[in-house]
C-alpha cells in the first residue's frame, strides 16, 4: 500500500488527474470538485492558513488577467461583454484552481529532495529527467533569492503603496530576478556542456 503512495506514483496521479480535469466541460461539476478539494487542502494546512491564502491569491492573480482579457470583445459599436469568453474564463479558472489544489494535496509533505528523487524514478528519457532536476534546483534558488530580496526591502522600511515609486521598486526587483535567472541558466549550460551533455 505504501508503494502506491510513493512520491513518484503521486506525480503520475497528479498528471493523470490534471488531464482528466482538463477534459471536464461542466461548470457545476468543477465547482463541486473545487469546493471539496479546497476543504481537504485547508484541513491539511490548517496550521498555516495565512501562507495558504497568500499562495492561493498569487495563483488567482493570473486568473484575474484571464477574466480581464476574455470577458470583453470589440465590436463596431464599441467594447461589449463577451458571454462565451466569460464561460471560457470560468472554466479555465476553475480547472486551474482544481489542478493546483490537487497538486498541493498529492505532493503534500514532499520536499525538493524527494521531488527530485521521484522524478528520477519516472519512466522518462534521462536527458528530460536531468532538465527537470535542473529546473527544480534553479527554481528553488530563485525562490530563496526572492525571499532574501523581500527581507532586504522590509529591513529598509519599504511599504508598498499604489504609486509610481512602488511600481519602480517592484520593476527593479523583477529585473534583478530575471538577470540572476539568466546568469544561472548560462552557468548551468556551461556546466552541462563541460560534462558532454548534448540535447
N, C-alpha and C. Protein backbone atom coordinates (compact mmCIF):
# COMPACT_ATOMS: atom_id res chain seq x y z
N UNK A 1 0.83 -1.21 0.00
CA UNK A 1 0.00 0.00 0.00
C UNK A 1 0.86 1.26 0.00
N UNK A 2 1.95 1.23 0.78
CA UNK A 2 2.85 2.38 0.84
C UNK A 2 3.44 2.69 -0.53
N UNK A 3 3.73 1.62 -1.30
CA UNK A 3 4.34 1.79 -2.62
C UNK A 3 3.43 2.61 -3.54
N UNK A 4 2.11 2.37 -3.43
CA UNK A 4 1.15 3.08 -4.28
C UNK A 4 1.09 4.58 -3.98
N UNK A 5 1.58 4.98 -2.79
CA UNK A 5 1.58 6.39 -2.42
C UNK A 5 3.01 6.94 -2.36
N UNK A 6 3.94 6.27 -3.02
CA UNK A 6 5.31 6.78 -3.11
C UNK A 6 5.31 8.08 -3.92
N UNK A 7 6.30 8.95 -3.69
CA UNK A 7 6.33 10.25 -4.39
C UNK A 7 6.21 10.16 -5.90
N UNK A 8 6.92 9.18 -6.53
CA UNK A 8 6.86 9.12 -8.00
C UNK A 8 5.48 8.68 -8.49
N UNK A 9 4.78 7.84 -7.71
CA UNK A 9 3.41 7.47 -8.07
C UNK A 9 2.48 8.67 -7.91
N UNK A 10 2.73 9.46 -6.89
CA UNK A 10 1.91 10.65 -6.66
C UNK A 10 2.04 11.64 -7.82
N UNK A 11 3.25 11.73 -8.38
CA UNK A 11 3.45 12.59 -9.55
C UNK A 11 2.63 12.09 -10.74
N UNK A 12 2.60 10.77 -10.92
CA UNK A 12 1.81 10.18 -12.02
C UNK A 12 0.32 10.43 -11.80
N UNK A 13 -0.14 10.27 -10.53
CA UNK A 13 -1.56 10.54 -10.23
C UNK A 13 -1.90 12.00 -10.53
N UNK A 14 -1.00 12.91 -10.15
CA UNK A 14 -1.24 14.34 -10.39
C UNK A 14 -1.35 14.64 -11.88
N UNK A 15 -0.48 13.99 -12.68
CA UNK A 15 -0.50 14.18 -14.13
C UNK A 15 -1.81 13.65 -14.73
N UNK A 16 -2.21 12.45 -14.34
CA UNK A 16 -3.44 11.84 -14.88
C UNK A 16 -4.67 12.63 -14.44
N UNK A 17 -4.66 13.09 -13.17
CA UNK A 17 -5.79 13.86 -12.65
C UNK A 17 -5.91 15.19 -13.39
N UNK A 18 -4.77 15.80 -13.71
CA UNK A 18 -4.77 17.07 -14.45
C UNK A 18 -5.36 16.90 -15.84
N UNK A 19 -5.03 15.78 -16.49
CA UNK A 19 -5.59 15.51 -17.83
C UNK A 19 -7.11 15.32 -17.73
N UNK A 20 -7.54 14.59 -16.69
CA UNK A 20 -8.98 14.35 -16.50
C UNK A 20 -9.72 15.67 -16.24
N UNK A 21 -9.14 16.54 -15.42
CA UNK A 21 -9.77 17.83 -15.11
C UNK A 21 -9.88 18.70 -16.36
N UNK A 22 -8.84 18.66 -17.19
CA UNK A 22 -8.81 19.49 -18.40
C UNK A 22 -9.91 19.14 -19.39
N UNK A 23 -10.45 17.93 -19.27
CA UNK A 23 -11.49 17.49 -20.21
C UNK A 23 -12.90 17.77 -19.69
N UNK A 24 -13.04 18.22 -18.44
CA UNK A 24 -14.37 18.49 -17.87
C UNK A 24 -14.92 19.79 -18.43
N UNK A 25 -16.16 19.74 -18.93
CA UNK A 25 -16.81 20.92 -19.54
C UNK A 25 -17.92 21.50 -18.66
N UNK A 26 -18.28 20.80 -17.58
CA UNK A 26 -19.38 21.24 -16.72
C UNK A 26 -18.88 22.18 -15.62
N UNK A 27 -19.40 23.40 -15.59
CA UNK A 27 -19.01 24.37 -14.56
C UNK A 27 -19.45 23.89 -13.18
N UNK A 28 -20.66 23.33 -13.09
CA UNK A 28 -21.19 22.86 -11.80
C UNK A 28 -20.33 21.75 -11.21
N UNK A 29 -19.92 20.80 -12.06
CA UNK A 29 -19.07 19.71 -11.59
C UNK A 29 -17.71 20.24 -11.12
N UNK A 30 -17.17 21.18 -11.87
CA UNK A 30 -15.88 21.77 -11.49
C UNK A 30 -16.00 22.53 -10.16
N UNK A 31 -17.12 23.23 -9.96
CA UNK A 31 -17.34 23.95 -8.70
C UNK A 31 -17.40 22.99 -7.52
N UNK A 32 -18.12 21.89 -7.69
CA UNK A 32 -18.25 20.89 -6.61
C UNK A 32 -16.89 20.28 -6.28
N UNK A 33 -16.15 19.88 -7.32
CA UNK A 33 -14.83 19.28 -7.12
C UNK A 33 -13.85 20.27 -6.49
N UNK A 34 -13.90 21.52 -6.93
CA UNK A 34 -13.01 22.55 -6.38
C UNK A 34 -13.31 22.80 -4.91
N UNK A 35 -14.60 22.87 -4.57
CA UNK A 35 -15.00 23.09 -3.17
C UNK A 35 -14.53 21.94 -2.27
N UNK A 36 -14.73 20.71 -2.75
CA UNK A 36 -14.31 19.53 -1.97
C UNK A 36 -12.79 19.50 -1.80
N UNK A 37 -12.08 19.76 -2.90
CA UNK A 37 -10.62 19.74 -2.87
C UNK A 37 -10.07 20.86 -1.97
N UNK A 38 -10.71 22.04 -2.06
CA UNK A 38 -10.27 23.18 -1.24
C UNK A 38 -10.47 22.87 0.25
N UNK A 39 -11.60 22.25 0.60
CA UNK A 39 -11.85 21.90 2.00
C UNK A 39 -10.81 20.91 2.51
N UNK A 40 -10.44 19.95 1.68
CA UNK A 40 -9.44 18.95 2.04
C UNK A 40 -8.07 19.60 2.23
N UNK A 41 -7.70 20.49 1.32
CA UNK A 41 -6.40 21.17 1.41
C UNK A 41 -6.34 22.07 2.64
N UNK A 42 -7.43 22.79 2.92
CA UNK A 42 -7.49 23.67 4.10
C UNK A 42 -7.35 22.84 5.37
N UNK A 43 -7.98 21.66 5.39
CA UNK A 43 -7.87 20.78 6.56
C UNK A 43 -6.42 20.34 6.78
N UNK A 44 -5.73 19.98 5.69
CA UNK A 44 -4.34 19.52 5.80
C UNK A 44 -3.39 20.65 6.19
N UNK A 45 -3.69 21.88 5.74
CA UNK A 45 -2.82 23.04 6.00
C UNK A 45 -3.44 23.98 7.04
N UNK A 46 -4.25 23.44 7.95
CA UNK A 46 -4.95 24.29 8.92
C UNK A 46 -4.00 25.02 9.87
N UNK A 47 -2.73 24.53 9.98
CA UNK A 47 -1.76 25.16 10.88
C UNK A 47 -1.12 26.40 10.27
N UNK A 48 -1.30 26.61 8.96
CA UNK A 48 -0.70 27.78 8.30
C UNK A 48 -1.69 28.40 7.30
N UNK A 49 -2.83 28.91 7.80
CA UNK A 49 -3.86 29.44 6.88
C UNK A 49 -3.40 30.68 6.11
N UNK A 50 -2.59 31.55 6.73
CA UNK A 50 -2.14 32.78 6.06
C UNK A 50 -1.26 32.45 4.86
N UNK A 51 -0.35 31.49 5.05
CA UNK A 51 0.55 31.09 3.96
C UNK A 51 -0.24 30.49 2.81
N UNK A 52 -1.23 29.67 3.15
CA UNK A 52 -2.06 29.03 2.13
C UNK A 52 -2.87 30.07 1.36
N UNK A 53 -3.45 31.04 2.09
CA UNK A 53 -4.24 32.09 1.45
C UNK A 53 -3.37 32.94 0.52
N UNK A 54 -2.14 33.24 0.97
CA UNK A 54 -1.22 34.05 0.15
C UNK A 54 -0.90 33.33 -1.17
N UNK A 55 -0.63 32.03 -1.09
CA UNK A 55 -0.32 31.24 -2.30
C UNK A 55 -1.52 31.20 -3.23
N UNK A 56 -2.73 31.06 -2.65
CA UNK A 56 -3.94 30.98 -3.45
C UNK A 56 -4.21 32.31 -4.15
N UNK A 57 -3.98 33.42 -3.45
CA UNK A 57 -4.19 34.75 -4.05
C UNK A 57 -3.20 35.00 -5.19
N UNK A 58 -1.96 34.57 -5.01
CA UNK A 58 -0.96 34.72 -6.08
C UNK A 58 -1.38 33.96 -7.33
N UNK A 59 -1.90 32.75 -7.13
CA UNK A 59 -2.37 31.95 -8.25
C UNK A 59 -3.51 32.66 -8.98
N UNK A 60 -4.43 33.23 -8.21
CA UNK A 60 -5.62 33.81 -8.83
C UNK A 60 -5.39 35.21 -9.39
N UNK A 61 -4.22 35.77 -9.18
CA UNK A 61 -3.87 37.00 -9.89
C UNK A 61 -3.81 36.72 -11.39
N UNK A 62 -3.31 35.53 -11.73
CA UNK A 62 -3.28 35.11 -13.14
C UNK A 62 -4.70 34.90 -13.66
N UNK A 63 -5.58 34.35 -12.82
CA UNK A 63 -6.98 34.16 -13.20
C UNK A 63 -7.64 35.50 -13.51
N UNK A 64 -7.27 36.52 -12.72
CA UNK A 64 -7.82 37.85 -12.94
C UNK A 64 -7.45 38.38 -14.33
N UNK A 65 -6.21 38.13 -14.74
CA UNK A 65 -5.78 38.55 -16.08
C UNK A 65 -6.59 37.84 -17.16
N UNK A 66 -6.88 36.56 -16.93
CA UNK A 66 -7.69 35.79 -17.89
C UNK A 66 -9.08 36.41 -18.02
N UNK A 67 -9.67 36.76 -16.86
CA UNK A 67 -11.01 37.36 -16.87
C UNK A 67 -11.00 38.71 -17.57
N UNK A 68 -9.96 39.50 -17.34
CA UNK A 68 -9.89 40.83 -17.95
C UNK A 68 -9.74 40.76 -19.46
N UNK A 69 -9.11 39.70 -19.96
CA UNK A 69 -8.89 39.59 -21.41
C UNK A 69 -10.02 38.85 -22.14
N UNK A 70 -10.63 37.86 -21.49
CA UNK A 70 -11.65 37.05 -22.18
C UNK A 70 -13.09 37.57 -22.01
N UNK A 71 -13.31 38.42 -21.01
CA UNK A 71 -14.68 38.85 -20.71
C UNK A 71 -15.21 39.94 -21.64
N UNK A 72 -14.34 40.47 -22.49
CA UNK A 72 -14.75 41.57 -23.37
C UNK A 72 -14.43 41.25 -24.83
N UNK A 73 -15.18 41.88 -25.72
CA UNK A 73 -14.87 41.76 -27.14
C UNK A 73 -15.13 43.11 -27.83
N UNK A 74 -14.38 43.34 -28.89
CA UNK A 74 -14.51 44.60 -29.61
C UNK A 74 -15.45 44.41 -30.79
N UNK A 75 -16.48 45.24 -30.84
CA UNK A 75 -17.44 45.23 -31.94
C UNK A 75 -17.46 46.60 -32.62
N UNK A 76 -18.10 46.71 -33.77
CA UNK A 76 -18.10 48.01 -34.47
C UNK A 76 -18.60 49.18 -33.63
N UNK A 77 -19.55 48.91 -32.68
CA UNK A 77 -20.10 50.00 -31.87
C UNK A 77 -19.40 50.13 -30.51
N UNK A 78 -18.31 49.40 -30.32
CA UNK A 78 -17.53 49.57 -29.08
C UNK A 78 -17.20 48.25 -28.39
N UNK A 79 -16.72 48.37 -27.15
CA UNK A 79 -16.35 47.19 -26.35
C UNK A 79 -17.57 46.71 -25.57
N UNK A 80 -17.89 45.42 -25.71
CA UNK A 80 -19.06 44.84 -25.03
C UNK A 80 -18.65 43.54 -24.31
N UNK A 81 -19.53 43.11 -23.39
CA UNK A 81 -19.28 41.85 -22.68
C UNK A 81 -19.35 40.68 -23.65
N UNK A 82 -18.51 39.69 -23.40
CA UNK A 82 -18.45 38.50 -24.24
C UNK A 82 -18.91 37.28 -23.44
N UNK A 83 -20.17 36.85 -23.57
CA UNK A 83 -20.70 35.72 -22.78
C UNK A 83 -19.88 34.44 -22.95
N UNK A 84 -19.48 34.14 -24.20
CA UNK A 84 -18.68 32.94 -24.45
C UNK A 84 -17.32 33.05 -23.76
N UNK A 85 -16.75 34.26 -23.79
CA UNK A 85 -15.47 34.50 -23.13
C UNK A 85 -15.56 34.34 -21.63
N UNK A 86 -16.68 34.80 -21.06
CA UNK A 86 -16.90 34.67 -19.61
C UNK A 86 -17.01 33.19 -19.22
N UNK A 87 -17.73 32.42 -20.03
CA UNK A 87 -17.85 30.97 -19.78
C UNK A 87 -16.48 30.30 -19.86
N UNK A 88 -15.71 30.68 -20.88
CA UNK A 88 -14.38 30.10 -21.06
C UNK A 88 -13.46 30.49 -19.90
N UNK A 89 -13.54 31.75 -19.46
CA UNK A 89 -12.73 32.22 -18.33
C UNK A 89 -13.09 31.48 -17.05
N UNK A 90 -14.40 31.21 -16.87
CA UNK A 90 -14.85 30.45 -15.69
C UNK A 90 -14.28 29.04 -15.71
N UNK A 91 -14.38 28.38 -16.87
CA UNK A 91 -13.85 27.02 -16.99
C UNK A 91 -12.35 26.98 -16.74
N UNK A 92 -11.61 27.91 -17.35
CA UNK A 92 -10.15 27.94 -17.18
C UNK A 92 -9.78 28.19 -15.72
N UNK A 93 -10.45 29.15 -15.07
CA UNK A 93 -10.15 29.48 -13.68
C UNK A 93 -10.41 28.30 -12.75
N UNK A 94 -11.57 27.65 -12.95
CA UNK A 94 -11.91 26.51 -12.09
C UNK A 94 -10.97 25.33 -12.32
N UNK A 95 -10.67 25.06 -13.59
CA UNK A 95 -9.73 23.96 -13.89
C UNK A 95 -8.36 24.26 -13.28
N UNK A 96 -7.89 25.48 -13.45
CA UNK A 96 -6.58 25.86 -12.94
C UNK A 96 -6.53 25.70 -11.41
N UNK A 97 -7.57 26.21 -10.74
CA UNK A 97 -7.61 26.09 -9.27
C UNK A 97 -7.67 24.64 -8.84
N UNK A 98 -8.47 23.85 -9.53
CA UNK A 98 -8.62 22.43 -9.17
C UNK A 98 -7.32 21.67 -9.38
N UNK A 99 -6.62 21.94 -10.49
CA UNK A 99 -5.34 21.27 -10.76
C UNK A 99 -4.30 21.64 -9.70
N UNK A 100 -4.22 22.93 -9.37
CA UNK A 100 -3.24 23.37 -8.36
C UNK A 100 -3.57 22.78 -6.99
N UNK A 101 -4.85 22.79 -6.63
CA UNK A 101 -5.26 22.21 -5.34
C UNK A 101 -4.93 20.72 -5.28
N UNK A 102 -5.15 20.01 -6.39
CA UNK A 102 -4.84 18.57 -6.42
C UNK A 102 -3.34 18.33 -6.29
N UNK A 103 -2.53 19.20 -6.90
CA UNK A 103 -1.08 19.07 -6.78
C UNK A 103 -0.64 19.35 -5.34
N UNK A 104 -1.22 20.39 -4.71
CA UNK A 104 -0.91 20.67 -3.31
C UNK A 104 -1.26 19.47 -2.43
N UNK A 105 -2.38 18.82 -2.77
CA UNK A 105 -2.84 17.68 -1.97
C UNK A 105 -1.96 16.45 -2.20
N UNK A 106 -1.71 16.14 -3.46
CA UNK A 106 -0.94 14.93 -3.79
C UNK A 106 0.55 15.05 -3.44
N UNK A 107 1.08 16.27 -3.49
CA UNK A 107 2.50 16.46 -3.17
C UNK A 107 2.70 17.04 -1.77
N UNK A 108 1.72 16.83 -0.91
CA UNK A 108 1.81 17.29 0.48
C UNK A 108 2.98 16.60 1.19
N UNK A 109 3.81 17.38 1.88
CA UNK A 109 4.98 16.89 2.62
C UNK A 109 6.10 16.37 1.71
N UNK A 110 6.08 16.71 0.43
CA UNK A 110 7.16 16.28 -0.47
C UNK A 110 8.12 17.46 -0.65
N UNK A 111 9.36 17.29 -0.20
CA UNK A 111 10.37 18.34 -0.28
C UNK A 111 11.02 18.33 -1.66
N UNK A 112 11.88 19.34 -1.89
CA UNK A 112 12.59 19.41 -3.18
C UNK A 112 13.42 18.15 -3.43
N UNK A 113 14.07 17.66 -2.36
CA UNK A 113 14.92 16.46 -2.47
C UNK A 113 14.08 15.24 -2.87
N UNK A 114 12.94 15.06 -2.20
CA UNK A 114 12.06 13.93 -2.52
C UNK A 114 11.49 14.05 -3.92
N UNK A 115 11.20 15.29 -4.32
CA UNK A 115 10.66 15.51 -5.67
C UNK A 115 11.68 15.14 -6.74
N UNK A 116 12.93 15.51 -6.52
CA UNK A 116 14.00 15.16 -7.47
C UNK A 116 14.16 13.64 -7.55
N UNK A 117 14.13 12.98 -6.39
CA UNK A 117 14.25 11.51 -6.36
C UNK A 117 13.06 10.85 -7.07
N UNK A 118 11.87 11.45 -6.89
CA UNK A 118 10.67 10.90 -7.52
C UNK A 118 10.75 11.03 -9.04
N UNK A 119 11.20 12.18 -9.52
CA UNK A 119 11.33 12.40 -10.97
C UNK A 119 12.32 11.42 -11.57
N UNK A 120 13.41 11.14 -10.83
CA UNK A 120 14.44 10.21 -11.32
C UNK A 120 13.88 8.80 -11.51
N UNK A 121 12.80 8.46 -10.79
CA UNK A 121 12.21 7.11 -10.89
C UNK A 121 11.16 6.99 -12.00
N UNK A 122 10.81 8.13 -12.60
CA UNK A 122 9.79 8.08 -13.64
C UNK A 122 10.34 7.49 -14.94
N UNK A 123 9.50 6.80 -15.71
CA UNK A 123 9.97 6.19 -16.98
C UNK A 123 10.08 7.25 -18.08
N UNK A 124 11.06 8.14 -17.92
CA UNK A 124 11.28 9.22 -18.88
C UNK A 124 12.71 9.15 -19.41
N UNK A 125 12.99 9.76 -20.58
CA UNK A 125 14.37 9.80 -21.06
C UNK A 125 15.29 10.49 -20.05
N UNK A 126 16.54 10.02 -19.97
CA UNK A 126 17.48 10.55 -18.98
C UNK A 126 17.70 12.05 -19.12
N UNK A 127 17.79 12.52 -20.36
CA UNK A 127 18.04 13.95 -20.59
C UNK A 127 16.88 14.80 -20.09
N UNK A 128 15.67 14.30 -20.28
CA UNK A 128 14.49 15.02 -19.80
C UNK A 128 14.48 15.07 -18.27
N UNK A 129 14.86 13.96 -17.64
CA UNK A 129 14.95 13.92 -16.17
C UNK A 129 15.98 14.94 -15.67
N UNK A 130 17.15 15.00 -16.37
CA UNK A 130 18.18 15.98 -16.00
C UNK A 130 17.63 17.40 -16.07
N UNK A 131 16.87 17.69 -17.11
CA UNK A 131 16.30 19.04 -17.27
C UNK A 131 15.30 19.35 -16.17
N UNK A 132 14.47 18.36 -15.81
CA UNK A 132 13.52 18.55 -14.71
C UNK A 132 14.25 18.82 -13.39
N UNK A 133 15.28 18.05 -13.13
CA UNK A 133 16.06 18.20 -11.89
C UNK A 133 16.69 19.59 -11.83
N UNK A 134 17.29 20.02 -12.95
CA UNK A 134 17.90 21.36 -13.00
C UNK A 134 16.85 22.45 -12.80
N UNK A 135 15.67 22.26 -13.39
CA UNK A 135 14.60 23.25 -13.25
C UNK A 135 14.19 23.40 -11.78
N UNK A 136 14.01 22.26 -11.09
CA UNK A 136 13.63 22.30 -9.68
C UNK A 136 14.71 22.98 -8.86
N UNK A 137 15.96 22.64 -9.15
CA UNK A 137 17.09 23.22 -8.43
C UNK A 137 17.13 24.74 -8.57
N UNK A 138 17.01 25.23 -9.79
CA UNK A 138 17.16 26.67 -10.02
C UNK A 138 15.91 27.45 -9.66
N UNK A 139 14.75 26.83 -9.75
CA UNK A 139 13.53 27.49 -9.25
C UNK A 139 13.64 27.69 -7.74
N UNK A 140 14.17 26.66 -7.05
CA UNK A 140 14.39 26.76 -5.61
C UNK A 140 15.37 27.88 -5.26
N UNK A 141 16.47 27.97 -6.02
CA UNK A 141 17.46 29.02 -5.79
C UNK A 141 16.87 30.42 -6.01
N UNK A 142 16.10 30.56 -7.09
CA UNK A 142 15.48 31.86 -7.36
C UNK A 142 14.42 32.21 -6.31
N UNK A 143 13.74 31.19 -5.79
CA UNK A 143 12.79 31.42 -4.71
C UNK A 143 13.48 31.94 -3.46
N UNK A 144 14.64 31.34 -3.14
CA UNK A 144 15.42 31.80 -1.99
C UNK A 144 15.90 33.25 -2.20
N UNK A 145 16.34 33.55 -3.41
CA UNK A 145 16.80 34.91 -3.73
C UNK A 145 15.65 35.91 -3.60
N UNK A 146 14.47 35.52 -4.07
CA UNK A 146 13.29 36.38 -3.97
C UNK A 146 12.94 36.66 -2.51
N UNK A 147 13.04 35.62 -1.66
CA UNK A 147 12.77 35.79 -0.22
C UNK A 147 13.78 36.74 0.41
N UNK A 148 15.06 36.61 0.03
CA UNK A 148 16.10 37.49 0.56
C UNK A 148 15.86 38.94 0.16
N UNK A 149 15.46 39.13 -1.10
CA UNK A 149 15.16 40.49 -1.57
C UNK A 149 13.98 41.09 -0.82
N UNK A 150 12.97 40.26 -0.55
CA UNK A 150 11.80 40.74 0.20
C UNK A 150 12.20 41.14 1.62
N UNK A 151 13.05 40.32 2.26
CA UNK A 151 13.53 40.64 3.61
C UNK A 151 14.35 41.93 3.61
N UNK A 152 15.19 42.11 2.58
CA UNK A 152 16.02 43.32 2.47
C UNK A 152 15.14 44.56 2.30
N UNK A 153 14.07 44.43 1.52
CA UNK A 153 13.15 45.55 1.32
C UNK A 153 12.44 45.91 2.62
N UNK A 154 12.02 44.89 3.37
CA UNK A 154 11.36 45.15 4.65
C UNK A 154 12.32 45.77 5.66
N UNK A 155 13.59 45.30 5.64
CA UNK A 155 14.60 45.84 6.56
C UNK A 155 14.88 47.32 6.29
N UNK A 156 14.67 47.75 5.04
CA UNK A 156 14.88 49.16 4.68
C UNK A 156 13.60 49.98 4.82
N UNK A 157 12.58 49.35 5.41
CA UNK A 157 11.34 50.08 5.69
C UNK A 157 10.44 50.29 4.49
N UNK A 158 10.57 49.44 3.48
CA UNK A 158 9.74 49.61 2.29
C UNK A 158 8.29 49.25 2.58
N UNK A 159 7.38 50.16 2.26
CA UNK A 159 5.95 49.92 2.42
C UNK A 159 5.28 50.07 1.05
N UNK A 160 4.73 48.98 0.50
CA UNK A 160 4.11 49.08 -0.83
C UNK A 160 2.84 49.93 -0.81
N UNK A 161 2.74 50.84 -1.75
CA UNK A 161 1.56 51.68 -1.94
C UNK A 161 1.22 51.72 -3.42
N UNK A 162 0.06 52.24 -3.73
CA UNK A 162 -0.35 52.35 -5.13
C UNK A 162 0.20 53.67 -5.71
N UNK A 163 1.51 53.67 -5.96
CA UNK A 163 2.14 54.87 -6.52
C UNK A 163 3.28 54.48 -7.46
N UNK A 164 3.88 55.49 -8.06
CA UNK A 164 4.93 55.27 -9.06
C UNK A 164 6.18 54.65 -8.43
N UNK A 165 6.52 55.09 -7.21
CA UNK A 165 7.73 54.59 -6.54
C UNK A 165 7.64 53.08 -6.29
N UNK A 166 6.48 52.61 -5.83
CA UNK A 166 6.27 51.18 -5.58
C UNK A 166 6.42 50.37 -6.86
N UNK A 167 5.82 50.87 -7.95
CA UNK A 167 5.95 50.19 -9.25
C UNK A 167 7.41 50.12 -9.69
N UNK A 168 8.15 51.21 -9.45
CA UNK A 168 9.56 51.26 -9.82
C UNK A 168 10.37 50.22 -9.04
N UNK A 169 10.10 50.13 -7.72
CA UNK A 169 10.82 49.17 -6.87
C UNK A 169 10.53 47.73 -7.29
N UNK A 170 9.25 47.42 -7.56
CA UNK A 170 8.89 46.07 -7.97
C UNK A 170 9.45 45.74 -9.36
N UNK A 171 9.49 46.73 -10.23
CA UNK A 171 10.09 46.52 -11.56
C UNK A 171 11.57 46.19 -11.44
N UNK A 172 12.27 46.90 -10.53
CA UNK A 172 13.69 46.62 -10.29
C UNK A 172 13.88 45.22 -9.71
N UNK A 173 12.98 44.84 -8.83
CA UNK A 173 13.05 43.51 -8.22
C UNK A 173 12.89 42.41 -9.27
N UNK A 174 11.88 42.57 -10.14
CA UNK A 174 11.65 41.59 -11.20
C UNK A 174 12.85 41.55 -12.15
N UNK A 175 13.39 42.73 -12.49
CA UNK A 175 14.54 42.80 -13.39
C UNK A 175 15.75 42.07 -12.79
N UNK A 176 15.99 42.27 -11.50
CA UNK A 176 17.12 41.59 -10.83
C UNK A 176 16.93 40.08 -10.84
N UNK A 177 15.70 39.63 -10.60
CA UNK A 177 15.41 38.19 -10.63
C UNK A 177 15.65 37.61 -12.02
N UNK A 178 15.23 38.34 -13.04
CA UNK A 178 15.43 37.88 -14.42
C UNK A 178 16.92 37.83 -14.77
N UNK A 179 17.68 38.83 -14.32
CA UNK A 179 19.14 38.85 -14.57
C UNK A 179 19.81 37.67 -13.89
N UNK A 180 19.44 37.42 -12.62
CA UNK A 180 20.00 36.28 -11.90
C UNK A 180 19.62 34.96 -12.57
N UNK A 181 18.38 34.87 -13.04
CA UNK A 181 17.93 33.65 -13.72
C UNK A 181 18.74 33.42 -14.99
N UNK A 182 19.01 34.51 -15.74
CA UNK A 182 19.78 34.39 -16.97
C UNK A 182 21.22 33.95 -16.68
N UNK A 183 21.81 34.55 -15.62
CA UNK A 183 23.18 34.19 -15.24
C UNK A 183 23.25 32.72 -14.82
N UNK A 184 22.26 32.29 -14.00
CA UNK A 184 22.22 30.89 -13.56
C UNK A 184 22.06 29.94 -14.74
N UNK A 185 21.21 30.33 -15.70
CA UNK A 185 20.98 29.48 -16.88
C UNK A 185 22.26 29.35 -17.71
N UNK A 186 22.98 30.45 -17.87
CA UNK A 186 24.24 30.41 -18.63
C UNK A 186 25.27 29.51 -17.94
N UNK A 187 25.37 29.64 -16.61
CA UNK A 187 26.32 28.80 -15.86
C UNK A 187 25.93 27.33 -15.95
N UNK A 188 24.62 27.06 -15.87
CA UNK A 188 24.15 25.67 -15.96
C UNK A 188 24.45 25.10 -17.34
N UNK A 189 24.24 25.92 -18.39
CA UNK A 189 24.52 25.48 -19.76
C UNK A 189 26.01 25.17 -19.95
N UNK A 190 26.87 26.05 -19.40
CA UNK A 190 28.32 25.82 -19.50
C UNK A 190 28.73 24.55 -18.77
N UNK A 191 28.14 24.32 -17.58
CA UNK A 191 28.45 23.12 -16.80
C UNK A 191 28.01 21.86 -17.54
N UNK A 192 26.82 21.92 -18.16
CA UNK A 192 26.31 20.76 -18.90
C UNK A 192 27.18 20.46 -20.13
N UNK A 193 27.59 21.52 -20.83
CA UNK A 193 28.44 21.32 -22.00
C UNK A 193 29.81 20.74 -21.59
N UNK A 194 30.32 21.21 -20.43
CA UNK A 194 31.60 20.71 -19.93
C UNK A 194 31.53 19.23 -19.59
N UNK A 195 30.31 18.76 -19.26
CA UNK A 195 30.12 17.34 -18.94
C UNK A 195 29.67 16.52 -20.15
N UNK A 196 29.71 17.16 -21.34
CA UNK A 196 29.37 16.43 -22.58
C UNK A 196 27.90 16.24 -22.81
N UNK A 197 27.07 17.12 -22.22
CA UNK A 197 25.61 16.99 -22.38
C UNK A 197 25.19 17.61 -23.69
N UNK A 198 24.55 16.83 -24.55
CA UNK A 198 24.05 17.33 -25.84
C UNK A 198 22.56 17.02 -25.94
N UNK A 199 21.78 18.03 -26.33
CA UNK A 199 20.33 17.81 -26.47
C UNK A 199 20.07 17.01 -27.73
